[in-house]
Amino acid sequence: MEININKVNEATRELEIIVPKNEFEEELEAEFRTAQQYISIKGFRKGRVPLKLIKQMYGNEIERDFIGDYATKLFKEATEKNEISFIGKPFLKDIKKNDDKVVFTFAYDVIPQFELKDYKNLKIYEPIHKVTDEEIEHEINHRRLYSANVQDSEEIKNEHTIVTIDIIPIDQETFEPIPNGKVQSTTILLNSETVPPDLKQMLLNKKKGDEIIYYPHATDPSAPDEKVKIKIKHISELILEEFNDEFVVRYTNGRLQNTEEFKEEIGYFLQEKWDMKTNDEMVKQVIKKLVESHEFDLPQTVLYETALKLCDDFLKKYGDNYPQLKGKKPEDIIEDFIPIAESQVKWAIIKKKIIEKENLQLEDYDIESIVEEHKRQNPEADENELKKYIKSSPHIVDTLMEKKVLDFLISFAETTEIDFDDYQKMLQETLHHSEEETEDTHYHEPNETTQDSQSETEKDTQPENQEKRQ
């Protein structure tokens, strides 16, 4: 076996594997003889069908399957023997048969070499929000609502009501139910923010058994453009307890004693949520800036697989909500997700290089919170064994290293405080401007999501780029 490695670009290589033609033909002939043992043709006993007839009838199919397996074996042997590392899924690009040799050409991806731009002095905004008394009151009412007593009612008197309804398909002219139409039943909490305001108003003061005609498309463009009939099947009224010290003691099982302590704790809880949002927005900015400031060739197989996974996840999550996605396969919408995949793949590669340059490693203090959580769930668990398990779990390690490198980058960033509402307005204006530019190019793509979870890219960008030429 001889090999040649050709550099297509910084992220792609072609590996030529050359084998003597007689060796290839001997292997193929052995494959035909193996197939002969299992092929049955009328007029011949099993295992006795002449090879000439087998080649005539099944030759192309047998050779095609053989080449796939043979090529896989050759690639595996060549990469292991010559310590060739790759990422993504290599593929057989071409086969050429000459008089005395057969040349297999494989394409495979590697982590591209590039120069890291400045990542320690990134200028980002730090959106700030201080929890208000109104937010605390809203959260208290929310908790009172979910701990309320429930009693059956004949009428929807207020928004503190649970309503079970039938959604009935109707003729759009007569408004009569469609025969054999599929009726959907669902239960909604009228106070929920997910309930459309127009539907909420239509249901107020209605009684059990009442029917209304509703047009969901008016508030939800993704809903079918048709009216439906809604019939009220059951009504449950929520009876809220008075907010006082007795409520606090009961709700917290005696942990807190009065309303002031309860309000203070809720204030801390809400502020912590806002602080997490602040960190999330800073993370988005850091990733965006680093992705935009670096230009290098991307590994195409990794890019394709990442985009395909994004498409598959999107269809599983939203496919039933959008009629235009009905029957679509991930491959049908992949072009719309390529820009997002490019960002994710590029960030994974940049992140890996920063981790290597800064020699960032997972330390015991990085996993303390996870160890404590496991200990709470299983007090008898051995702490050292838990640490070993966590450090040996690739997904957990990748997630923790993602957090570590982002915390590192944010700690060195130059931050400017800005009110959270002002920050959101700024983002909307930027998005609006971007959409106008997009319309000018007649190209539409989905909104880019952040790297809030580990994708297949994380696994694919682990090997070092060690190539040897023979």
Protein backbone atom coordinates (compact mmCIF):
# COMPACT_ATOMS: atom_id res chain seq x y z
CA MET A 1 0.00 0.00 0.00
CA GLU A 2 1.25 3.46 -0.92
CA ILE A 3 -0.31 6.74 0.25
CA ASN A 4 -0.18 10.37 -0.79
CA ILE A 5 -1.74 13.28 1.13
CA ASN A 6 -2.81 16.34 -0.82
CA LYS A 7 -3.81 19.61 0.86
CA VAL A 8 -7.04 20.96 -0.65
CA ASN A 9 -7.30 23.85 1.83
CA GLU A 10 -6.54 24.48 5.52
CA ALA A 11 -9.44 22.26 6.61
CA THR A 12 -9.59 19.58 3.91
CA ARG A 13 -7.18 16.89 2.77
CA GLU A 14 -7.29 14.20 0.11
CA LEU A 15 -5.74 10.85 0.91
CA GLU A 16 -4.73 8.67 -2.06
CA ILE A 17 -4.28 4.99 -1.26
CA ILE A 18 -2.66 2.98 -4.02
CA VAL A 19 -2.87 -0.82 -4.08
CA PRO A 20 -1.60 -3.25 -6.74
CA LYS A 21 -4.36 -4.19 -9.17
CA ASN A 22 -3.70 -7.92 -8.76
CA GLU A 23 -4.14 -7.58 -4.99
CA PHE A 24 -7.45 -5.77 -5.48
CA GLU A 25 -8.67 -8.39 -7.97
CA GLU A 26 -7.68 -11.25 -5.64
CA GLU A 27 -9.72 -9.70 -2.84
CA LEU A 28 -12.68 -9.15 -5.18
CA GLU A 29 -12.50 -12.72 -6.46
CA ALA A 30 -12.54 -13.98 -2.87
CA GLU A 31 -15.67 -11.90 -2.31
CA PHE A 32 -17.38 -13.57 -5.29
CA ARG A 33 -16.45 -17.00 -3.95
CA THR A 34 -17.88 -16.07 -0.55
CA ALA A 35 -21.10 -14.90 -2.19
CA GLN A 36 -21.24 -18.16 -4.19
CA GLN A 37 -21.80 -20.12 -0.97
CA TYR A 38 -25.07 -18.30 -0.24
CA ILE A 39 -26.61 -17.63 -3.68
CA SER A 40 -29.41 -19.89 -4.91
CA ILE A 41 -30.57 -19.91 -8.54
CA LYS A 42 -33.19 -22.23 -9.96
CA GLY A 43 -31.53 -25.20 -11.59
CA PHE A 44 -28.47 -25.13 -9.34
CA ARG A 45 -27.90 -26.35 -5.83
CA LYS A 46 -27.05 -23.75 -3.20
CA GLY A 47 -23.31 -23.07 -3.37
CA ARG A 48 -23.00 -24.62 -6.82
CA VAL A 49 -23.97 -21.68 -9.02
CA PRO A 50 -21.12 -21.03 -11.51
CA LEU A 51 -19.05 -17.93 -10.73
CA LYS A 52 -19.47 -16.72 -14.31
CA LEU A 53 -23.26 -16.72 -13.90
CA ILE A 54 -23.02 -14.99 -10.49
CA LYS A 55 -20.83 -12.26 -11.96
CA GLN A 56 -23.22 -11.86 -14.86
CA MET A 57 -26.30 -11.54 -12.64
CA TYR A 58 -24.98 -9.94 -9.45
CA GLY A 59 -21.50 -8.74 -10.33
CA ASN A 60 -22.12 -5.00 -10.12
CA GLU A 61 -23.96 -5.26 -6.81
CA ILE A 62 -21.38 -7.54 -5.20
CA GLU A 63 -18.48 -5.39 -6.42
CA ARG A 64 -20.15 -2.21 -5.16
CA ASP A 65 -20.62 -3.67 -1.67
CA PHE A 66 -17.08 -5.07 -1.70
CA ILE A 67 -15.55 -1.71 -2.66
CA GLY A 68 -17.33 0.01 0.24
CA ASP A 69 -16.00 -2.48 2.79
CA TYR A 70 -12.56 -2.72 1.18
CA ALA A 71 -12.16 1.07 1.02
CA THR A 72 -13.16 1.39 4.69
CA LYS A 73 -10.53 -1.20 5.65
CA LEU A 74 -7.85 0.54 3.57
CA PHE A 75 -8.60 3.96 5.08
CA LYS A 76 -8.55 2.58 8.62
CA GLU A 77 -5.22 0.82 8.08
CA ALA A 78 -3.63 3.86 6.40
CA THR A 79 -4.70 6.39 9.04
CA GLU A 80 -3.70 4.18 11.97
CA LYS A 81 -0.33 3.17 10.51
CA ASN A 82 0.58 6.73 9.53
CA GLU A 83 -0.99 8.48 12.56
CA ILE A 84 -3.31 10.57 10.41
CA SER A 85 -5.93 12.37 12.51
CA PHE A 86 -9.18 13.67 11.10
CA ILE A 87 -12.53 15.06 12.20
CA GLY A 88 -16.02 14.52 10.86
CA LYS A 89 -16.86 11.71 8.45
CA PRO A 90 -14.35 10.95 5.69
CA PHE A 91 -15.78 9.78 2.37
CA LEU A 92 -14.57 7.93 -0.69
CA LYS A 93 -14.30 10.53 -3.43
CA ASP A 94 -13.00 8.53 -6.39
CA ILE A 95 -11.66 5.16 -7.58
CA LYS A 96 -9.39 4.81 -10.58
CA LYS A 97 -8.30 1.47 -12.03
CA ASN A 98 -5.13 1.50 -14.10
CA ASP A 99 -3.26 -1.33 -15.78
CA ASP A 100 -1.29 -2.25 -12.69
CA LYS A 101 -2.87 -0.39 -9.77
CA VAL A 102 -6.10 0.87 -8.20
CA VAL A 103 -6.16 4.34 -6.65
CA PHE A 104 -8.68 5.13 -3.90
CA THR A 105 -9.08 8.85 -3.19
CA PHE A 106 -10.63 9.85 0.14
CA ALA A 107 -11.57 13.33 1.32
CA TYR A 108 -11.32 14.09 5.02
CA ASP A 109 -11.34 17.14 7.28
CA VAL A 110 -8.82 18.37 9.81
CA ILE A 111 -8.82 21.18 12.34
CA PRO A 112 -7.56 24.19 10.36
CA GLN A 113 -4.45 26.07 11.41
CA PHE A 114 -4.98 29.79 11.93
CA GLU A 115 -3.76 32.67 14.04
CA LEU A 116 -5.86 33.58 17.06
CA LYS A 117 -6.97 37.21 17.15
CA ASP A 118 -7.05 39.18 20.39
CA TYR A 119 -9.53 37.53 22.75
CA LYS A 120 -8.60 39.15 26.05
CA ASN A 121 -9.76 42.69 25.37
CA LEU A 122 -13.17 42.18 23.82
CA LYS A 123 -15.51 45.16 24.22
CA ILE A 124 -18.98 44.00 25.26
CA TYR A 125 -22.09 45.36 26.95
CA GLU A 126 -23.19 44.24 30.41
CA PRO A 127 -26.99 44.60 30.46
CA ILE A 128 -28.14 45.40 34.00
CA HIS A 129 -31.58 45.01 35.58
CA LYS A 130 -32.54 45.58 39.20
CA VAL A 131 -35.62 43.70 40.38
CA THR A 132 -38.58 45.96 41.16
CA ASP A 133 -41.27 45.70 43.83
CA GLU A 134 -43.81 45.09 41.04
CA GLU A 135 -41.86 42.05 39.84
CA ILE A 136 -41.75 40.68 43.37
CA GLU A 137 -45.53 41.15 43.75
CA HIS A 138 -46.10 39.45 40.41
CA GLU A 139 -44.01 36.45 41.48
CA ILE A 140 -45.87 36.25 44.81
CA ASN A 141 -49.21 36.19 42.99
CA HIS A 142 -47.84 33.56 40.63
CA ARG A 143 -46.93 31.32 43.58
CA ARG A 144 -50.25 31.94 45.29
CA LEU A 145 -51.94 30.93 42.05
CA TYR A 146 -50.10 27.62 41.80
CA SER A 147 -50.78 26.76 45.43
CA ALA A 148 -54.46 27.74 45.24
CA ASN A 149 -57.39 25.48 46.06
CA VAL A 150 -59.38 24.24 43.08
CA GLN A 151 -63.17 23.99 42.89
CA ASP A 152 -65.55 23.28 40.05
CA SER A 153 -67.46 26.21 38.61
CA GLU A 154 -70.19 26.77 36.03
CA GLU A 155 -68.86 30.14 34.87
CA ILE A 156 -65.50 31.72 34.00
CA LYS A 157 -65.56 34.61 36.46
CA ASN A 158 -61.92 35.74 36.23
CA GLU A 159 -58.53 34.79 34.86
CA HIS A 160 -57.79 32.59 37.88
CA THR A 161 -59.52 29.73 36.11
CA ILE A 162 -58.58 26.40 34.53
CA VAL A 163 -60.66 25.68 31.43
CA THR A 164 -60.94 22.46 29.46
CA ILE A 165 -62.05 23.08 25.87
CA ASP A 166 -62.72 21.20 22.66
CA ILE A 167 -61.29 22.72 19.47
CA ILE A 168 -63.66 21.73 16.67
CA PRO A 169 -62.90 22.12 12.92
CA ILE A 170 -65.77 23.88 11.11
CA ASP A 171 -66.97 24.74 7.63
CA GLN A 172 -65.64 28.24 6.93
CA GLU A 173 -68.94 29.43 5.45
CA THR A 174 -71.62 27.80 7.61
CA PHE A 175 -69.49 27.53 10.80
CA GLU A 176 -70.96 24.06 11.28
CA PRO A 177 -68.71 21.22 12.52
CA ILE A 178 -67.08 19.24 9.72
CA PRO A 179 -68.32 15.62 9.72
CA ASN A 180 -65.64 13.27 11.07
CA GLY A 181 -63.39 16.30 11.74
CA LYS A 182 -60.66 15.72 14.31
CA VAL A 183 -61.65 17.36 17.60
CA GLN A 184 -58.77 18.37 19.88
CA SER A 185 -59.19 18.68 23.64
CA THR A 186 -56.89 20.80 25.76
CA THR A 187 -56.76 22.38 29.20
CA ILE A 188 -55.52 25.93 29.71
CA LEU A 189 -54.85 28.21 32.66
CA LEU A 190 -56.51 31.44 31.63
CA ASN A 191 -54.00 33.51 33.59
CA SER A 192 -51.06 32.08 31.63
CA GLU A 193 -49.11 34.43 29.39
CA THR A 194 -49.23 31.78 26.66
CA VAL A 195 -52.99 32.23 26.25
CA PRO A 196 -53.70 34.79 23.48
CA PRO A 197 -55.31 37.95 24.96
CA ASP A 198 -58.20 37.87 22.45
CA LEU A 199 -59.06 34.28 23.37
CA LYS A 200 -58.86 35.18 27.06
CA GLN A 201 -61.35 38.02 26.61
CA MET A 202 -63.72 35.85 24.59
CA LEU A 203 -63.78 33.16 27.29
CA LEU A 204 -64.35 35.48 30.26
CA ASN A 205 -67.91 35.28 31.67
CA LYS A 206 -68.72 32.27 29.47
CA LYS A 207 -70.36 29.19 31.00
CA LYS A 208 -69.87 25.45 30.78
CA GLY A 209 -71.26 24.24 27.45
CA ASP A 210 -70.93 27.63 25.71
CA GLU A 211 -69.41 27.79 22.24
CA ILE A 212 -67.44 30.52 20.48
CA ILE A 213 -65.97 30.97 17.01
CA TYR A 214 -62.27 31.73 17.19
CA TYR A 215 -59.70 32.75 14.56
CA PRO A 216 -56.25 31.78 15.96
CA HIS A 217 -54.38 32.97 12.83
CA ALA A 218 -55.12 36.58 13.80
CA THR A 219 -52.64 36.42 16.70
CA ASP A 220 -50.50 33.49 15.59
CA PRO A 221 -49.43 33.67 11.92
CA SER A 222 -48.12 30.09 12.13
CA ALA A 223 -51.64 28.78 12.86
CA PRO A 224 -53.82 27.61 9.93
CA ASP A 225 -55.70 30.44 8.22
CA GLU A 226 -59.14 29.25 9.28
CA LYS A 227 -61.67 29.66 12.06
CA VAL A 228 -62.50 26.97 14.62
CA LYS A 229 -65.29 26.40 17.11
CA ILE A 230 -64.33 26.25 20.79
CA LYS A 231 -66.65 24.49 23.21
CA ILE A 232 -66.19 24.84 26.98
CA LYS A 233 -66.24 21.39 28.58
CA HIS A 234 -65.12 22.00 32.16
CA ILE A 235 -64.36 24.96 34.42
CA SER A 236 -62.28 24.96 37.61
CA GLU A 237 -61.92 28.11 39.68
CA LEU A 238 -58.71 28.76 41.62
CA ILE A 239 -59.26 30.08 45.14
CA LEU A 240 -56.17 32.04 46.18
CA GLU A 241 -55.11 32.19 49.80
CA GLU A 242 -54.56 35.56 51.43
CA PHE A 243 -50.92 36.59 51.41
CA ASN A 244 -49.92 36.84 55.07
CA ASP A 245 -47.48 35.34 57.57
CA GLU A 246 -49.55 32.17 57.90
CA PHE A 247 -49.36 31.61 54.14
CA VAL A 248 -45.57 32.09 54.21
CA VAL A 249 -45.06 29.60 57.07
CA ARG A 250 -47.21 26.97 55.33
CA TYR A 251 -45.77 27.56 51.85
CA THR A 252 -42.14 27.30 53.06
CA ASN A 253 -42.81 24.52 55.59
CA GLY A 254 -41.70 26.83 58.41
CA ARG A 255 -38.41 27.82 56.79
CA LEU A 256 -39.56 31.45 56.61
CA GLN A 257 -41.73 33.18 59.19
CA ASN A 258 -43.21 36.31 57.65
CA THR A 259 -44.02 38.13 54.43
CA GLU A 260 -40.94 40.37 54.58
CA GLU A 261 -38.59 37.37 54.64
CA PHE A 262 -40.58 35.84 51.78
CA LYS A 263 -40.34 39.01 49.68
CA GLU A 264 -36.62 39.26 50.35
CA GLU A 265 -36.03 35.67 49.26
CA ILE A 266 -38.09 36.15 46.11
CA GLY A 267 -36.13 39.30 45.36
CA TYR A 268 -32.87 37.32 45.55
CA PHE A 269 -34.37 34.57 43.38
CA LEU A 270 -35.54 36.98 40.69
CA GLN A 271 -32.27 38.93 40.72
CA GLU A 272 -30.34 35.71 40.27
CA LYS A 273 -32.45 34.92 37.19
CA TRP A 274 -31.76 38.37 35.77
CA ASP A 275 -28.04 37.99 36.50
CA MET A 276 -28.07 34.71 34.57
CA LYS A 277 -29.72 36.51 31.65
CA THR A 278 -26.99 39.14 31.85
CA ASN A 279 -24.32 36.46 31.67
CA ASP A 280 -26.11 34.76 28.76
CA GLU A 281 -26.14 38.00 26.78
CA MET A 282 -22.47 38.61 27.50
CA VAL A 283 -21.70 35.08 26.35
CA LYS A 284 -23.55 35.68 23.08
CA GLN A 285 -21.55 38.85 22.47
CA VAL A 286 -18.21 37.16 23.18
CA ILE A 287 -18.95 34.28 20.83
CA LYS A 288 -20.27 36.58 18.11
CA LYS A 289 -17.24 38.86 18.24
CA LEU A 290 -14.76 36.00 18.11
CA VAL A 291 -16.58 34.26 15.28
CA GLU A 292 -16.78 37.47 13.24
CA SER A 293 -13.13 38.38 13.83
CA HIS A 294 -11.74 35.07 12.58
CA GLU A 295 -11.68 33.86 8.99
CA PHE A 296 -10.48 30.38 8.12
CA ASP A 297 -11.53 27.36 6.07
CA LEU A 298 -14.18 25.26 7.78
CA PRO A 299 -14.27 21.44 7.78
CA GLN A 300 -17.11 20.78 5.37
CA THR A 301 -18.19 17.36 6.61
CA VAL A 302 -18.43 18.66 10.18
CA LEU A 303 -20.30 21.71 8.90
CA TYR A 304 -22.79 19.57 7.00
CA GLU A 305 -23.40 17.18 9.90
CA THR A 306 -23.88 20.11 12.30
CA ALA A 307 -26.38 21.79 9.95
CA LEU A 308 -28.19 18.50 9.47
CA LYS A 309 -28.54 18.03 13.24
CA LEU A 310 -29.85 21.59 13.62
CA CYS A 311 -32.45 20.89 10.92
CA ASP A 312 -33.48 17.61 12.53
CA ASP A 313 -33.85 19.23 15.97
CA PHE A 314 -35.83 22.12 14.46
CA LEU A 315 -38.26 19.83 12.63
CA LYS A 316 -38.80 17.69 15.72
CA LYS A 317 -39.52 20.75 17.84
CA TYR A 318 -41.48 22.94 15.42
CA GLY A 319 -42.47 20.72 12.50
CA ASP A 320 -46.04 20.26 13.72
CA ASN A 321 -46.51 23.99 14.28
CA TYR A 322 -45.82 25.14 10.74
CA PRO A 323 -47.89 23.74 7.85
CA GLN A 324 -45.13 24.65 5.38
CA LEU A 325 -42.79 22.21 7.13
CA LYS A 326 -45.13 19.23 6.78
CA GLY A 327 -43.36 16.34 5.09
CA LYS A 328 -40.03 18.15 5.02
CA LYS A 329 -36.78 16.28 5.68
CA PRO A 330 -33.67 17.84 7.25
CA GLU A 331 -31.98 17.83 3.83
CA ASP A 332 -34.82 19.94 2.41
CA ILE A 333 -34.15 22.92 4.68
CA ILE A 334 -30.43 22.54 5.32
CA GLU A 335 -29.39 25.62 3.32
CA ASP A 336 -31.26 27.87 5.77
CA PHE A 337 -29.23 26.45 8.66
CA ILE A 338 -25.77 26.59 7.11
CA PRO A 339 -25.03 30.10 8.52
CA ILE A 340 -25.88 28.92 12.04
CA ALA A 341 -23.81 25.77 11.61
CA GLU A 342 -20.88 27.85 10.34
CA SER A 343 -21.00 29.95 13.50
CA GLN A 344 -21.16 26.89 15.76
CA VAL A 345 -18.34 25.04 14.01
CA LYS A 346 -16.13 28.12 13.91
CA TRP A 347 -16.72 28.83 17.61
CA ALA A 348 -15.91 25.21 18.55
CA ILE A 349 -12.58 25.44 16.71
CA ILE A 350 -11.70 28.86 18.18
CA LYS A 351 -12.63 27.70 21.66
CA LYS A 352 -10.42 24.61 21.35
CA LYS A 353 -7.46 26.75 20.32
CA ILE A 354 -7.97 29.16 23.26
CA ILE A 355 -8.17 26.24 25.69
CA GLU A 356 -4.90 24.87 24.31
CA LYS A 357 -3.12 28.24 24.31
CA GLU A 358 -4.18 29.11 27.87
CA ASN A 359 -3.73 25.51 29.05
CA LEU A 360 -7.18 25.57 30.63
CA GLN A 361 -7.95 22.34 32.46
CA LEU A 362 -10.80 20.98 34.49
CA GLU A 363 -10.03 21.31 38.20
CA ASP A 364 -11.82 19.89 41.24
CA TYR A 365 -13.39 23.26 42.05
CA ASP A 366 -14.96 23.30 38.56
CA ILE A 367 -17.03 20.24 39.37
CA GLU A 368 -17.91 20.98 43.02
CA SER A 369 -21.48 22.07 42.24
CA ILE A 370 -22.17 18.88 40.26
CA VAL A 371 -20.66 16.71 43.00
CA GLU A 372 -22.83 18.47 45.60
CA GLU A 373 -25.96 17.93 43.46
CA HIS A 374 -25.18 14.21 43.13
CA LYS A 375 -24.56 14.01 46.88
CA ARG A 376 -27.93 15.62 47.59
CA GLN A 377 -29.64 13.01 45.45
CA ASN A 378 -27.54 10.13 46.76
CA PRO A 379 -25.95 10.95 50.17
CA GLU A 380 -24.22 7.54 50.30
CA ALA A 381 -22.30 8.15 47.06
CA ASP A 382 -18.50 8.18 47.30
CA GLU A 383 -17.20 11.68 46.50
CA ASN A 384 -14.00 10.47 44.83
CA GLU A 385 -15.92 8.04 42.64
CA LEU A 386 -18.29 10.86 41.65
CA LYS A 387 -15.35 13.03 40.61
CA LYS A 388 -13.91 10.19 38.51
CA TYR A 389 -17.28 9.63 36.85
CA ILE A 390 -17.73 13.32 36.03
CA LYS A 391 -14.22 13.70 34.62
CA SER A 392 -14.66 10.57 32.48
CA SER A 393 -17.97 11.75 30.97
CA PRO A 394 -17.20 13.59 27.68
CA HIS A 395 -20.50 15.49 27.61
CA ILE A 396 -20.14 16.78 31.18
CA VAL A 397 -16.49 17.70 30.61
CA ASP A 398 -17.30 19.54 27.37
CA THR A 399 -20.09 21.48 29.09
CA LEU A 400 -17.87 22.45 32.02
CA MET A 401 -14.98 23.44 29.76
CA GLU A 402 -17.38 25.55 27.68
CA LYS A 403 -18.34 27.43 30.83
CA LYS A 404 -14.72 27.72 31.96
CA VAL A 405 -13.44 29.25 28.74
CA LEU A 406 -16.40 31.67 28.54
CA ASP A 407 -15.92 32.78 32.15
CA PHE A 408 -12.25 33.28 31.34
CA LEU A 409 -13.02 35.41 28.27
CA ILE A 410 -15.64 37.52 30.07
CA SER A 411 -13.25 38.15 32.97
CA PHE A 412 -10.80 39.81 30.55
CA ALA A 413 -13.42 41.67 28.50
CA GLU A 414 -13.94 45.42 28.70
CA THR A 415 -17.59 45.79 29.76
CA THR A 416 -19.94 48.73 29.52
CA GLU A 417 -23.03 48.69 31.73
CA ILE A 418 -26.35 49.34 30.00
CA ASP A 419 -29.97 49.11 31.11
CA PHE A 420 -31.43 45.77 30.04
CA ASP A 421 -34.39 47.41 28.26
CA ASP A 422 -32.08 49.75 26.37
CA TYR A 423 -29.92 46.79 25.43
CA GLN A 424 -32.93 44.89 24.07
CA LYS A 425 -33.97 47.95 22.03
CA MET A 426 -30.48 48.18 20.62
CA LEU A 427 -30.62 44.51 19.60
CA GLN A 428 -34.01 45.01 17.95
CA GLU A 429 -32.72 47.97 15.97
CA THR A 430 -29.69 45.96 14.87
CA LEU A 431 -31.91 43.03 13.90
CA HIS A 432 -34.28 45.31 11.98
CA HIS A 433 -31.36 46.82 10.08
CA SER A 434 -30.01 43.35 9.35
CA GLU A 435 -33.41 42.17 8.06
CA GLU A 436 -33.59 45.15 5.71
CA GLU A 437 -30.21 44.21 4.28
CA THR A 438 -31.33 40.60 3.99
CA GLU A 439 -34.43 41.61 2.04
CA ASP A 440 -32.23 43.58 -0.34
CA THR A 441 -30.33 40.39 -1.17
CA HIS A 442 -33.56 38.36 -1.49
CA TYR A 443 -32.21 35.79 0.92
CA HIS A 444 -33.94 34.63 4.08
CA GLU A 445 -32.44 32.65 6.88
CA PRO A 446 -33.62 31.67 10.38
CA ASN A 447 -32.57 33.73 13.37
CA GLU A 448 -29.26 32.56 14.65
CA THR A 449 -29.33 30.65 17.91
CA THR A 450 -26.59 30.77 20.48
CA GLN A 451 -24.30 27.96 21.40
CA ASP A 452 -26.24 27.08 24.53
CA SER A 453 -25.59 23.38 24.26
CA GLN A 454 -22.90 21.07 23.04
CA SER A 455 -23.34 20.03 19.39
CA GLU A 456 -21.70 17.20 17.50
CA THR A 457 -19.02 19.76 16.61
CA GLU A 458 -17.63 19.49 20.13
CA LYS A 459 -16.92 15.79 19.66
CA ASP A 460 -15.59 16.20 16.14
CA THR A 461 -12.99 18.83 16.99
CA GLN A 462 -11.10 16.84 19.62
CA PRO A 463 -8.23 15.10 17.70
CA GLU A 464 -4.98 16.90 17.13
CA ASN A 465 -3.94 17.72 13.59
CA GLN A 466 -1.07 15.24 13.23
CA GLU A 467 -0.32 14.38 9.64
CA LYS A 468 2.49 12.35 8.21
CA ARG A 469 3.36 11.86 4.56
CA GLN A 470 4.65 8.57 3.33
